[in-house]
């Protein structure tokens, strides 16, 4: 895995909860929606997505249910719970404060006279 994927891996929980707050999704649909909405910058393989979904279920943030689609196909859909909505709110706050702090550091320019230790 490249370094970018390590940075993005922590965003999966936030993205999944955000999308599930809009509507119920099945796993592959979540993966494709994230890819499409991010212009293919974020590509979460289904094999990586499902462990995250199971962790969210175990934590009580989401639930799952089966729905028959057509004659034979049964899909497992995921639904956000009230605790998941609260978790999403916390994650968004953490994300926004982290982005602001990182941006502050990236925008930092030492002034003449600032001592920089080597």
PDB file of N, CA and C in Angstrom:
ATOM      1  N   UNK A   1       0.826  -1.179   0.000  1.00  0.00           N
ATOM      2  CA  UNK A   1       0.000   0.000   0.000  1.00  0.00           C
ATOM      3  C   UNK A   1       0.871   1.244   0.000  1.00  0.00           C
ATOM      4  N   UNK A   2       0.460   2.254  -0.747  1.00  0.00           N
ATOM      5  CA  UNK A   2       1.245   3.476  -0.792  1.00  0.00           C
ATOM      6  C   UNK A   2       0.934   4.357   0.412  1.00  0.00           C
ATOM      7  N   UNK A   3       1.754   5.399   0.575  1.00  0.00           N
ATOM      8  CA  UNK A   3       1.600   6.280   1.732  1.00  0.00           C
ATOM      9  C   UNK A   3       0.270   7.005   1.735  1.00  0.00           C
ATOM     10  N   UNK A   4      -0.255   7.351   0.547  1.00  0.00           N
ATOM     11  CA  UNK A   4      -1.525   8.068   0.480  1.00  0.00           C
ATOM     12  C   UNK A   4      -2.651   7.230   1.082  1.00  0.00           C
ATOM     13  N   UNK A   5      -2.639   5.931   0.835  1.00  0.00           N
ATOM     14  CA  UNK A   5      -3.728   5.111   1.342  1.00  0.00           C
ATOM     15  C   UNK A   5      -3.697   5.041   2.869  1.00  0.00           C
ATOM     16  N   UNK A   6      -2.503   5.108   3.471  1.00  0.00           N
ATOM     17  CA  UNK A   6      -2.426   5.122   4.931  1.00  0.00           C
ATOM     18  C   UNK A   6      -3.087   6.382   5.491  1.00  0.00           C
ATOM     19  N   UNK A   7      -2.861   7.500   4.814  1.00  0.00           N
ATOM     20  CA  UNK A   7      -3.454   8.760   5.251  1.00  0.00           C
ATOM     21  C   UNK A   7      -4.976   8.714   5.113  1.00  0.00           C
ATOM     22  N   UNK A   8      -5.459   8.122   4.042  1.00  0.00           N
ATOM     23  CA  UNK A   8      -6.891   8.104   3.753  1.00  0.00           C
ATOM     24  C   UNK A   8      -7.643   7.036   4.535  1.00  0.00           C
ATOM     25  N   UNK A   9      -6.951   6.013   4.994  1.00  0.00           N
ATOM     26  CA  UNK A   9      -7.613   4.895   5.663  1.00  0.00           C
ATOM     27  C   UNK A   9      -8.459   5.359   6.852  1.00  0.00           C
ATOM     28  N   UNK A  10      -7.987   6.344   7.594  1.00  0.00           N
ATOM     29  CA  UNK A  10      -8.717   6.840   8.743  1.00  0.00           C
ATOM     30  C   UNK A  10     -10.005   7.554   8.392  1.00  0.00           C
ATOM     31  N   UNK A  11     -10.184   7.874   7.130  1.00  0.00           N
ATOM     32  CA  UNK A  11     -11.378   8.596   6.696  1.00  0.00           C
ATOM     33  C   UNK A  11     -12.558   7.680   6.389  1.00  0.00           C
ATOM     34  N   UNK A  12     -12.332   6.388   6.310  1.00  0.00           N
ATOM     35  CA  UNK A  12     -13.389   5.460   5.895  1.00  0.00           C
ATOM     36  C   UNK A  12     -14.594   5.536   6.826  1.00  0.00           C
ATOM     37  N   UNK A  13     -14.361   5.515   8.126  1.00  0.00           N
ATOM     38  CA  UNK A  13     -15.467   5.572   9.087  1.00  0.00           C
ATOM     39  C   UNK A  13     -16.285   6.843   8.892  1.00  0.00           C
ATOM     40  N   UNK A  14     -15.624   7.960   8.745  1.00  0.00           N
ATOM     41  CA  UNK A  14     -16.296   9.241   8.530  1.00  0.00           C
ATOM     42  C   UNK A  14     -17.125   9.220   7.247  1.00  0.00           C
ATOM     43  N   UNK A  15     -16.537   8.746   6.163  1.00  0.00           N
ATOM     44  CA  UNK A  15     -17.231   8.736   4.873  1.00  0.00           C
ATOM     45  C   UNK A  15     -18.430   7.798   4.886  1.00  0.00           C
ATOM     46  N   UNK A  16     -18.256   6.615   5.455  1.00  0.00           N
ATOM     47  CA  UNK A  16     -19.350   5.641   5.513  1.00  0.00           C
ATOM     48  C   UNK A  16     -20.505   6.189   6.341  1.00  0.00           C
ATOM     49  N   UNK A  17     -20.206   6.727   7.518  1.00  0.00           N
ATOM     50  CA  UNK A  17     -21.279   7.261   8.361  1.00  0.00           C
ATOM     51  C   UNK A  17     -21.969   8.444   7.678  1.00  0.00           C
ATOM     52  N   UNK A  18     -21.197   9.271   7.009  1.00  0.00           N
ATOM     53  CA  UNK A  18     -21.793  10.408   6.304  1.00  0.00           C
ATOM     54  C   UNK A  18     -22.768   9.935   5.225  1.00  0.00           C
ATOM     55  N   UNK A  19     -22.337   8.978   4.417  1.00  0.00           N
ATOM     56  CA  UNK A  19     -23.217   8.486   3.356  1.00  0.00           C
ATOM     57  C   UNK A  19     -24.442   7.786   3.924  1.00  0.00           C
ATOM     58  N   UNK A  20     -24.251   6.990   4.964  1.00  0.00           N
ATOM     59  CA  UNK A  20     -25.388   6.288   5.565  1.00  0.00           C
ATOM     60  C   UNK A  20     -26.348   7.253   6.256  1.00  0.00           C
ATOM     61  N   UNK A  21     -25.867   8.426   6.595  1.00  0.00           N
ATOM     62  CA  UNK A  21     -26.749   9.434   7.165  1.00  0.00           C
ATOM     63  C   UNK A  21     -27.681   9.998   6.093  1.00  0.00           C
ATOM     64  N   UNK A  22     -27.321   9.812   4.821  1.00  0.00           N
ATOM     65  CA  UNK A  22     -28.158  10.265   3.707  1.00  0.00           C
ATOM     66  C   UNK A  22     -29.213   9.222   3.343  1.00  0.00           C
ATOM     67  N   UNK A  23     -28.785   7.951   3.297  1.00  0.00           N
ATOM     68  CA  UNK A  23     -29.690   6.851   2.955  1.00  0.00           C
ATOM     69  C   UNK A  23     -28.994   5.533   3.253  1.00  0.00           C
ATOM     70  N   UNK A  24     -29.726   4.434   3.210  1.00  0.00           N
ATOM     71  CA  UNK A  24     -29.150   3.111   3.399  1.00  0.00           C
ATOM     72  C   UNK A  24     -28.456   2.668   2.116  1.00  0.00           C
ATOM     73  N   UNK A  25     -27.312   2.028   2.263  1.00  0.00           N
ATOM     74  CA  UNK A  25     -26.527   1.543   1.135  1.00  0.00           C
ATOM     75  C   UNK A  25     -26.160   0.091   1.358  1.00  0.00           C
ATOM     76  N   UNK A  26     -25.879  -0.625   0.275  1.00  0.00           N
ATOM     77  CA  UNK A  26     -25.226  -1.929   0.395  1.00  0.00           C
ATOM     78  C   UNK A  26     -23.741  -1.707   0.140  1.00  0.00           C
ATOM     79  N   UNK A  27     -22.910  -2.661   0.523  1.00  0.00           N
ATOM     80  CA  UNK A  27     -21.465  -2.485   0.546  1.00  0.00           C
ATOM     81  C   UNK A  27     -20.848  -2.006  -0.756  1.00  0.00           C
ATOM     82  N   UNK A  28     -21.096  -2.718  -1.837  1.00  0.00           N
ATOM     83  CA  UNK A  28     -20.504  -2.346  -3.123  1.00  0.00           C
ATOM     84  C   UNK A  28     -20.953  -0.947  -3.535  1.00  0.00           C
ATOM     85  N   UNK A  29     -22.205  -0.640  -3.259  1.00  0.00           N
ATOM     86  CA  UNK A  29     -22.747   0.683  -3.594  1.00  0.00           C
ATOM     87  C   UNK A  29     -22.006   1.777  -2.813  1.00  0.00           C
ATOM     88  N   UNK A  30     -21.702   1.522  -1.549  1.00  0.00           N
ATOM     89  CA  UNK A  30     -20.924   2.475  -0.746  1.00  0.00           C
ATOM     90  C   UNK A  30     -19.557   2.705  -1.381  1.00  0.00           C
ATOM     91  N   UNK A  31     -18.893   1.616  -1.719  1.00  0.00           N
ATOM     92  CA  UNK A  31     -17.565   1.693  -2.317  1.00  0.00           C
ATOM     93  C   UNK A  31     -17.598   2.506  -3.605  1.00  0.00           C
ATOM     94  N   UNK A  32     -18.555   2.247  -4.460  1.00  0.00           N
ATOM     95  CA  UNK A  32     -18.666   2.951  -5.737  1.00  0.00           C
ATOM     96  C   UNK A  32     -19.046   4.418  -5.546  1.00  0.00           C
ATOM     97  N   UNK A  33     -19.915   4.697  -4.598  1.00  0.00           N
ATOM     98  CA  UNK A  33     -20.322   6.082  -4.334  1.00  0.00           C
ATOM     99  C   UNK A  33     -19.142   6.912  -3.855  1.00  0.00           C
ATOM    100  N   UNK A  34     -18.340   6.348  -2.956  1.00  0.00           N
ATOM    101  CA  UNK A  34     -17.152   7.066  -2.475  1.00  0.00           C
ATOM    102  C   UNK A  34     -16.205   7.329  -3.639  1.00  0.00           C
ATOM    103  N   UNK A  35     -15.991   6.332  -4.473  1.00  0.00           N
ATOM    104  CA  UNK A  35     -15.108   6.491  -5.628  1.00  0.00           C
ATOM    105  C   UNK A  35     -15.640   7.563  -6.583  1.00  0.00           C
ATOM    106  N   UNK A  36     -16.927   7.502  -6.892  1.00  0.00           N
ATOM    107  CA  UNK A  36     -17.522   8.471  -7.818  1.00  0.00           C
ATOM    108  C   UNK A  36     -17.523   9.881  -7.250  1.00  0.00           C
ATOM    109  N   UNK A  37     -17.922  10.021  -5.992  1.00  0.00           N
ATOM    110  CA  UNK A  37     -18.020  11.347  -5.387  1.00  0.00           C
ATOM    111  C   UNK A  37     -16.653  12.010  -5.195  1.00  0.00           C
ATOM    112  N   UNK A  38     -15.602  11.190  -5.137  1.00  0.00           N
ATOM    113  CA  UNK A  38     -14.251  11.739  -4.956  1.00  0.00           C
ATOM    114  C   UNK A  38     -13.482  11.807  -6.271  1.00  0.00           C
ATOM    115  N   UNK A  39     -14.194  11.661  -7.391  1.00  0.00           N
ATOM    116  CA  UNK A  39     -13.548  11.658  -8.708  1.00  0.00           C
ATOM    117  C   UNK A  39     -12.414  10.637  -8.772  1.00  0.00           C
ATOM    118  N   UNK A  40     -12.659   9.479  -8.190  1.00  0.00           N
ATOM    119  CA  UNK A  40     -11.730   8.329  -8.178  1.00  0.00           C
ATOM    120  C   UNK A  40     -10.462   8.565  -7.362  1.00  0.00           C
ATOM    121  N   UNK A  41     -10.416   9.633  -6.581  1.00  0.00           N
ATOM    122  CA  UNK A  41      -9.260   9.862  -5.709  1.00  0.00           C
ATOM    123  C   UNK A  41      -9.293   8.871  -4.547  1.00  0.00           C
ATOM    124  N   UNK A  42     -10.478   8.634  -4.007  1.00  0.00           N
ATOM    125  CA  UNK A  42     -10.640   7.674  -2.919  1.00  0.00           C
ATOM    126  C   UNK A  42     -11.249   6.401  -3.487  1.00  0.00           C
ATOM    127  N   UNK A  43     -10.463   5.351  -3.491  1.00  0.00           N
ATOM    128  CA  UNK A  43     -10.921   4.068  -3.998  1.00  0.00           C
ATOM    129  C   UNK A  43     -10.781   3.053  -2.878  1.00  0.00           C
ATOM    130  N   UNK A  44     -11.885   2.734  -2.238  1.00  0.00           N
ATOM    131  CA  UNK A  44     -11.867   1.799  -1.113  1.00  0.00           C
ATOM    132  C   UNK A  44     -12.331   0.447  -1.624  1.00  0.00           C
ATOM    133  N   UNK A  45     -11.409  -0.501  -1.745  1.00  0.00           N
ATOM    134  CA  UNK A  45     -11.809  -1.822  -2.216  1.00  0.00           C
ATOM    135  C   UNK A  45     -12.837  -2.439  -1.265  1.00  0.00           C
ATOM    136  N   UNK A  46     -13.754  -3.197  -1.836  1.00  0.00           N
ATOM    137  CA  UNK A  46     -14.804  -3.821  -1.024  1.00  0.00           C
ATOM    138  C   UNK A  46     -14.186  -4.670   0.081  1.00  0.00           C
ATOM    139  N   UNK A  47     -13.062  -5.317  -0.207  1.00  0.00           N
ATOM    140  CA  UNK A  47     -12.388  -6.143   0.803  1.00  0.00           C
ATOM    141  C   UNK A  47     -11.882  -5.349   1.989  1.00  0.00           C
ATOM    142  N   UNK A  48     -11.641  -4.074   1.800  1.00  0.00           N
ATOM    143  CA  UNK A  48     -11.239  -3.201   2.905  1.00  0.00           C
ATOM    144  C   UNK A  48     -12.444  -2.551   3.567  1.00  0.00           C
ATOM    145  N   UNK A  49     -13.508  -2.394   2.800  1.00  0.00           N
ATOM    146  CA  UNK A  49     -14.706  -1.729   3.314  1.00  0.00           C
ATOM    147  C   UNK A  49     -15.457  -2.598   4.316  1.00  0.00           C
ATOM    148  N   UNK A  50     -15.588  -3.880   4.009  1.00  0.00           N
ATOM    149  CA  UNK A  50     -16.390  -4.744   4.878  1.00  0.00           C
ATOM    150  C   UNK A  50     -15.864  -4.847   6.309  1.00  0.00           C
ATOM    151  N   UNK A  51     -14.559  -4.973   6.530  1.00  0.00           N
ATOM    152  CA  UNK A  51     -14.096  -4.960   7.930  1.00  0.00           C
ATOM    153  C   UNK A  51     -14.477  -3.676   8.664  1.00  0.00           C
ATOM    154  N   UNK A  52     -14.451  -2.545   7.945  1.00  0.00           N
ATOM    155  CA  UNK A  52     -14.857  -1.275   8.559  1.00  0.00           C
ATOM    156  C   UNK A  52     -16.349  -1.306   8.885  1.00  0.00           C
ATOM    157  N   UNK A  53     -17.159  -1.854   7.987  1.00  0.00           N
ATOM    158  CA  UNK A  53     -18.596  -1.959   8.241  1.00  0.00           C
ATOM    159  C   UNK A  53     -18.873  -2.862   9.447  1.00  0.00           C
ATOM    160  N   UNK A  54     -18.165  -3.990   9.529  1.00  0.00           N
ATOM    161  CA  UNK A  54     -18.365  -4.909  10.667  1.00  0.00           C
ATOM    162  C   UNK A  54     -17.968  -4.243  11.977  1.00  0.00           C
ATOM    163  N   UNK A  55     -16.911  -3.442  11.940  1.00  0.00           N
ATOM    164  CA  UNK A  55     -16.482  -2.717  13.142  1.00  0.00           C
ATOM    165  C   UNK A  55     -17.557  -1.708  13.563  1.00  0.00           C
ATOM    166  N   UNK A  56     -18.145  -1.023  12.589  1.00  0.00           N
ATOM    167  CA  UNK A  56     -19.209  -0.066  12.896  1.00  0.00           C
ATOM    168  C   UNK A  56     -20.446  -0.772  13.462  1.00  0.00           C
ATOM    169  N   UNK A  57     -20.749  -1.952  12.949  1.00  0.00           N
ATOM    170  CA  UNK A  57     -21.867  -2.744  13.490  1.00  0.00           C
ATOM    171  C   UNK A  57     -21.566  -3.157  14.920  1.00  0.00           C
ATOM    172  N   UNK A  58     -20.356  -3.686  15.151  1.00  0.00           N
ATOM    173  CA  UNK A  58     -19.967  -4.123  16.502  1.00  0.00           C
ATOM    174  C   UNK A  58     -19.996  -2.973  17.504  1.00  0.00           C
ATOM    175  N   UNK A  59     -19.723  -1.762  17.023  1.00  0.00           N
ATOM    176  CA  UNK A  59     -19.736  -0.583  17.898  1.00  0.00           C
ATOM    177  C   UNK A  59     -21.149  -0.037  18.105  1.00  0.00           C
ATOM    178  N   UNK A  60     -22.121  -0.563  17.356  1.00  0.00           N
ATOM    179  CA  UNK A  60     -23.503  -0.108  17.491  1.00  0.00           C
ATOM    180  C   UNK A  60     -23.823   1.156  16.710  1.00  0.00           C
ATOM    181  N   UNK A  61     -22.910   1.584  15.839  1.00  0.00           N
ATOM    182  CA  UNK A  61     -23.132   2.804  15.067  1.00  0.00           C
ATOM    183  C   UNK A  61     -24.025   2.573  13.850  1.00  0.00           C
ATOM    184  N   UNK A  62     -23.980   1.362  13.310  1.00  0.00           N
ATOM    185  CA  UNK A  62     -24.827   1.023  12.171  1.00  0.00           C
ATOM    186  C   UNK A  62     -25.426  -0.361  12.407  1.00  0.00           C
ATOM    187  N   UNK A  63     -26.448  -0.665  11.642  1.00  0.00           N
ATOM    188  CA  UNK A  63     -27.033  -2.005  11.652  1.00  0.00           C
ATOM    189  C   UNK A  63     -27.142  -2.463  10.205  1.00  0.00           C
ATOM    190  N   UNK A  64     -27.425  -3.743  10.037  1.00  0.00           N
ATOM    191  CA  UNK A  64     -27.579  -4.264   8.688  1.00  0.00           C
ATOM    192  C   UNK A  64     -28.886  -5.031   8.574  1.00  0.00           C
ATOM    193  N   UNK A  65     -29.379  -5.130   7.365  1.00  0.00           N
ATOM    194  CA  UNK A  65     -30.580  -5.910   7.095  1.00  0.00           C
ATOM    195  C   UNK A  65     -30.516  -6.429   5.668  1.00  0.00           C
ATOM    196  N   UNK A  66     -31.196  -7.524   5.429  1.00  0.00           N
ATOM    197  CA  UNK A  66     -31.200  -8.136   4.098  1.00  0.00           C
ATOM    198  C   UNK A  66     -32.448  -7.710   3.350  1.00  0.00           C
ATOM    199  N   UNK A  67     -32.274  -7.501   2.045  1.00  0.00           N
ATOM    200  CA  UNK A  67     -33.388  -7.098   1.195  1.00  0.00           C
ATOM    201  C   UNK A  67     -33.282  -7.855  -0.128  1.00  0.00           C
ATOM    202  N   UNK A  68     -34.363  -8.474  -0.523  1.00  0.00           N
ATOM    203  CA  UNK A  68     -34.369  -9.195  -1.787  1.00  0.00           C
ATOM    204  C   UNK A  68     -34.500  -8.209  -2.945  1.00  0.00           C
ATOM    205  N   UNK A  69     -33.623  -8.388  -3.919  1.00  0.00           N
ATOM    206  CA  UNK A  69     -33.618  -7.546  -5.105  1.00  0.00           C
ATOM    207  C   UNK A  69     -33.794  -8.484  -6.294  1.00  0.00           C
ATOM    208  N   UNK A  70     -34.911  -8.369  -6.973  1.00  0.00           N
ATOM    209  CA  UNK A  70     -35.180  -9.303  -8.057  1.00  0.00           C
ATOM    210  C   UNK A  70     -35.610 -10.648  -7.499  1.00  0.00           C
ATOM    211  N   UNK A  71     -35.481 -11.662  -8.314  1.00  0.00           N
ATOM    212  CA  UNK A  71     -35.939 -12.993  -7.904  1.00  0.00           C
ATOM    213  C   UNK A  71     -34.997 -13.700  -6.955  1.00  0.00           C
ATOM    214  N   UNK A  72     -33.706 -13.552  -7.199  1.00  0.00           N
ATOM    215  CA  UNK A  72     -32.744 -14.369  -6.454  1.00  0.00           C
ATOM    216  C   UNK A  72     -31.742 -13.593  -5.630  1.00  0.00           C
ATOM    217  N   UNK A  73     -31.488 -12.371  -6.004  1.00  0.00           N
ATOM    218  CA  UNK A  73     -30.435 -11.611  -5.349  1.00  0.00           C
ATOM    219  C   UNK A  73     -30.912 -11.036  -4.022  1.00  0.00           C
ATOM    220  N   UNK A  74     -30.129 -11.291  -2.989  1.00  0.00           N
ATOM    221  CA  UNK A  74     -30.390 -10.702  -1.675  1.00  0.00           C
ATOM    222  C   UNK A  74     -29.181  -9.842  -1.326  1.00  0.00           C
ATOM    223  N   UNK A  75     -29.439  -8.584  -1.055  1.00  0.00           N
ATOM    224  CA  UNK A  75     -28.373  -7.646  -0.687  1.00  0.00           C
ATOM    225  C   UNK A  75     -28.468  -7.331   0.795  1.00  0.00           C
ATOM    226  N   UNK A  76     -27.306  -7.082   1.370  1.00  0.00           N
ATOM    227  CA  UNK A  76     -27.237  -6.633   2.758  1.00  0.00           C
ATOM    228  C   UNK A  76     -27.065  -5.114   2.729  1.00  0.00           C
ATOM    229  N   UNK A  77     -28.035  -4.433   3.300  1.00  0.00           N
ATOM    230  CA  UNK A  77     -27.995  -2.976   3.378  1.00  0.00           C
ATOM    231  C   UNK A  77     -27.554  -2.557   4.779  1.00  0.00           C
ATOM    232  N   UNK A  78     -26.954  -1.380   4.849  1.00  0.00           N
ATOM    233  CA  UNK A  78     -26.467  -0.840   6.114  1.00  0.00           C
ATOM    234  C   UNK A  78     -27.232   0.434   6.433  1.00  0.00           C
ATOM    235  N   UNK A  79     -27.538   0.595   7.712  1.00  0.00           N
ATOM    236  CA  UNK A  79     -28.381   1.692   8.197  1.00  0.00           C
ATOM    237  C   UNK A  79     -27.696   2.341   9.398  1.00  0.00           C
ATOM    238  N   UNK A  80     -27.651   3.666   9.406  1.00  0.00           N
ATOM    239  CA  UNK A  80     -27.036   4.379  10.531  1.00  0.00           C
ATOM    240  C   UNK A  80     -28.013   4.416  11.704  1.00  0.00           C
ATOM    241  N   UNK A  81     -27.494   4.220  12.892  1.00  0.00           N
ATOM    242  CA  UNK A  81     -28.282   4.293  14.126  1.00  0.00           C
ATOM    243  C   UNK A  81     -28.063   5.656  14.782  1.00  0.00           C
ATOM    244  N   UNK A  82     -28.869   5.962  15.799  1.00  0.00           N
ATOM    245  CA  UNK A  82     -28.726   7.247  16.490  1.00  0.00           C
ATOM    246  C   UNK A  82     -27.310   7.447  17.035  1.00  0.00           C
ATOM    247  N   UNK A  83     -26.720   6.379  17.579  1.00  0.00           N
ATOM    248  CA  UNK A  83     -25.352   6.484  18.095  1.00  0.00           C
ATOM    249  C   UNK A  83     -24.368   6.767  16.959  1.00  0.00           C
ATOM    250  N   UNK A  84     -24.666   6.278  15.752  1.00  0.00           N
ATOM    251  CA  UNK A  84     -23.829   6.546  14.592  1.00  0.00           C
ATOM    252  C   UNK A  84     -23.908   7.995  14.165  1.00  0.00           C
ATOM    253  N   UNK A  85     -25.081   8.582  14.303  1.00  0.00           N
ATOM    254  CA  UNK A  85     -25.245  10.008  13.975  1.00  0.00           C
ATOM    255  C   UNK A  85     -24.435  10.850  14.956  1.00  0.00           C
ATOM    256  N   UNK A  86     -24.449  10.473  16.223  1.00  0.00           N
ATOM    257  CA  UNK A  86     -23.650  11.183  17.219  1.00  0.00           C
ATOM    258  C   UNK A  86     -22.160  11.010  16.933  1.00  0.00           C
ATOM    259  N   UNK A  87     -21.769   9.789  16.566  1.00  0.00           N
ATOM    260  CA  UNK A  87     -20.367   9.514  16.226  1.00  0.00           C
ATOM    261  C   UNK A  87     -19.948  10.339  15.008  1.00  0.00           C
ATOM    262  N   UNK A  88     -20.822  10.417  14.018  1.00  0.00           N
ATOM    263  CA  UNK A  88     -20.542  11.204  12.821  1.00  0.00           C
ATOM    264  C   UNK A  88     -20.290  12.663  13.185  1.00  0.00           C
ATOM    265  N   UNK A  89     -21.107  13.205  14.049  1.00  0.00           N
ATOM    266  CA  UNK A  89     -20.943  14.591  14.486  1.00  0.00           C
ATOM    267  C   UNK A  89     -19.571  14.792  15.133  1.00  0.00           C
ATOM    268  N   UNK A  90     -19.168  13.870  15.984  1.00  0.00           N
ATOM    269  CA  UNK A  90     -17.862  13.940  16.637  1.00  0.00           C
ATOM    270  C   UNK A  90     -16.733  13.850  15.617  1.00  0.00           C
ATOM    271  N   UNK A  91     -16.866  12.927  14.668  1.00  0.00           N
ATOM    272  CA  UNK A  91     -15.831  12.760  13.645  1.00  0.00           C
ATOM    273  C   UNK A  91     -15.707  13.998  12.767  1.00  0.00           C
ATOM    274  N   UNK A  92     -16.827  14.623  12.441  1.00  0.00           N
ATOM    275  CA  UNK A  92     -16.788  15.841  11.625  1.00  0.00           C
ATOM    276  C   UNK A  92     -16.090  16.964  12.383  1.00  0.00           C
ATOM    277  N   UNK A  93     -16.398  17.104  13.671  1.00  0.00           N
ATOM    278  CA  UNK A  93     -15.720  18.118  14.487  1.00  0.00           C
ATOM    279  C   UNK A  93     -14.223  17.856  14.531  1.00  0.00           C
ATOM    280  N   UNK A  94     -13.837  16.599  14.770  1.00  0.00           N
ATOM    281  CA  UNK A  94     -12.415  16.241  14.810  1.00  0.00           C
ATOM    282  C   UNK A  94     -11.754  16.502  13.462  1.00  0.00           C
ATOM    283  N   UNK A  95     -12.426  16.122  12.391  1.00  0.00           N
ATOM    284  CA  UNK A  95     -11.892  16.325  11.045  1.00  0.00           C
ATOM    285  C   UNK A  95     -11.669  17.810  10.781  1.00  0.00           C
ATOM    286  N   UNK A  96     -12.675  18.619  11.050  1.00  0.00           N
ATOM    287  CA  UNK A  96     -12.568  20.064  10.782  1.00  0.00           C
ATOM    288  C   UNK A  96     -11.459  20.713  11.595  1.00  0.00           C
ATOM    289  N   UNK A  97     -11.319  20.345  12.866  1.00  0.00           N
ATOM    290  CA  UNK A  97     -10.259  20.945  13.673  1.00  0.00           C
ATOM    291  C   UNK A  97      -8.881  20.465  13.223  1.00  0.00           C
ATOM    292  N   UNK A  98      -8.787  19.210  12.791  1.00  0.00           N
ATOM    293  CA  UNK A  98      -7.514  18.696  12.299  1.00  0.00           C
ATOM    294  C   UNK A  98      -7.122  19.370  10.987  1.00  0.00           C
ATOM    295  N   UNK A  99      -8.066  19.499  10.066  1.00  0.00           N
ATOM    296  CA  UNK A  99      -7.788  20.163   8.788  1.00  0.00           C
ATOM    297  C   UNK A  99      -7.345  21.601   9.040  1.00  0.00           C
ATOM    298  N   UNK A 100      -8.025  22.296   9.931  1.00  0.00           N
ATOM    299  CA  UNK A 100      -7.670  23.687  10.228  1.00  0.00           C
ATOM    300  C   UNK A 100      -6.257  23.773  10.814  1.00  0.00           C
ATOM    301  N   UNK A 101      -5.910  22.851  11.708  1.00  0.00           N
ATOM    302  CA  UNK A 101      -4.586  22.866  12.322  1.00  0.00           C
ATOM    303  C   UNK A 101      -3.495  22.539  11.304  1.00  0.00           C
ATOM    304  N   UNK A 102      -3.743  21.548  10.454  1.00  0.00           N
ATOM    305  CA  UNK A 102      -2.770  21.195   9.423  1.00  0.00           C
ATOM    306  C   UNK A 102      -2.592  22.364   8.457  1.00  0.00           C
ATOM    307  N   UNK A 103      -3.695  22.992   8.078  1.00  0.00           N
ATOM    308  CA  UNK A 103      -3.622  24.138   7.172  1.00  0.00           C
ATOM    309  C   UNK A 103      -2.836  25.277   7.798  1.00  0.00           C
ATOM    310  N   UNK A 104      -3.004  25.470   9.091  1.00  0.00           N
ATOM    311  CA  UNK A 104      -2.279  26.521   9.796  1.00  0.00           C
ATOM    312  C   UNK A 104      -0.771  26.259   9.733  1.00  0.00           C
ATOM    313  N   UNK A 105      -0.377  25.009   9.933  1.00  0.00           N
ATOM    314  CA  UNK A 105       1.043  24.669   9.867  1.00  0.00           C
ATOM    315  C   UNK A 105       1.558  24.820   8.439  1.00  0.00           C
ATOM    316  N   UNK A 106       0.774  24.355   7.460  1.00  0.00           N
ATOM    317  CA  UNK A 106       1.201  24.457   6.062  1.00  0.00           C
ATOM    318  C   UNK A 106       1.316  25.910   5.600  1.00  0.00           C
ATOM    319  N   UNK A 107       0.537  26.787   6.180  1.00  0.00           N
ATOM    320  CA  UNK A 107       0.586  28.205   5.817  1.00  0.00           C
ATOM    321  C   UNK A 107       1.656  28.982   6.581  1.00  0.00           C
ATOM    322  N   UNK A 108       2.299  28.342   7.543  1.00  0.00           N
ATOM    323  CA  UNK A 108       3.300  29.010   8.364  1.00  0.00           C
ATOM    324  C   UNK A 108       4.517  29.393   7.529  1.00  0.00           C
ATOM    325  N   UNK A 109       4.924  30.631   7.660  1.00  0.00           N
ATOM    326  CA  UNK A 109       6.134  31.131   7.011  1.00  0.00           C
ATOM    327  C   UNK A 109       6.950  31.842   8.091  1.00  0.00           C
ATOM    328  N   UNK A 110       8.170  31.379   8.339  1.00  0.00           N
ATOM    329  CA  UNK A 110       8.977  32.042   9.372  1.00  0.00           C
ATOM    330  C   UNK A 110       9.259  33.497   8.989  1.00  0.00           C
ATOM    331  N   UNK A 111       9.218  34.344   9.993  1.00  0.00           N
ATOM    332  CA  UNK A 111       9.517  35.757   9.769  1.00  0.00           C
ATOM    333  C   UNK A 111      11.014  35.967   9.937  1.00  0.00           C
ATOM    334  N   UNK A 112      11.501  37.005   9.323  1.00  0.00           N
ATOM    335  CA  UNK A 112      12.919  37.351   9.535  1.00  0.00           C
ATOM    336  C   UNK A 112      13.132  37.548  11.018  1.00  0.00           C
ATOM    337  N   UNK A 113      14.177  36.982  11.526  1.00  0.00           N
ATOM    338  CA  UNK A 113      14.466  37.114  12.933  1.00  0.00           C
ATOM    339  C   UNK A 113      14.001  35.911  13.732  1.00  0.00           C
ATOM    340  N   UNK A 114      13.110  35.079  13.186  1.00  0.00           N
ATOM    341  CA  UNK A 114      12.700  33.853  13.891  1.00  0.00           C
ATOM    342  C   UNK A 114      13.904  32.918  13.922  1.00  0.00           C
ATOM    343  N   UNK A 115      14.126  32.338  15.062  1.00  0.00           N
ATOM    344  CA  UNK A 115      15.244  31.398  15.219  1.00  0.00           C
ATOM    345  C   UNK A 115      14.749  30.010  14.843  1.00  0.00           C
ATOM    346  N   UNK A 116      15.473  29.390  13.929  1.00  0.00           N
ATOM    347  CA  UNK A 116      15.133  28.041  13.500  1.00  0.00           C
ATOM    348  C   UNK A 116      16.316  27.145  13.850  1.00  0.00           C
ATOM    349  N   UNK A 117      16.088  26.180  14.713  1.00  0.00           N
ATOM    350  CA  UNK A 117      17.145  25.250  15.101  1.00  0.00           C
ATOM    351  C   UNK A 117      17.314  24.203  14.018  1.00  0.00           C
ATOM    352  N   UNK A 118      18.552  23.890  13.697  1.00  0.00           N
ATOM    353  CA  UNK A 118      18.837  22.832  12.725  1.00  0.00           C
ATOM    354  C   UNK A 118      19.157  21.547  13.412  1.00  0.00           C
TER     355      UNK A 118
END
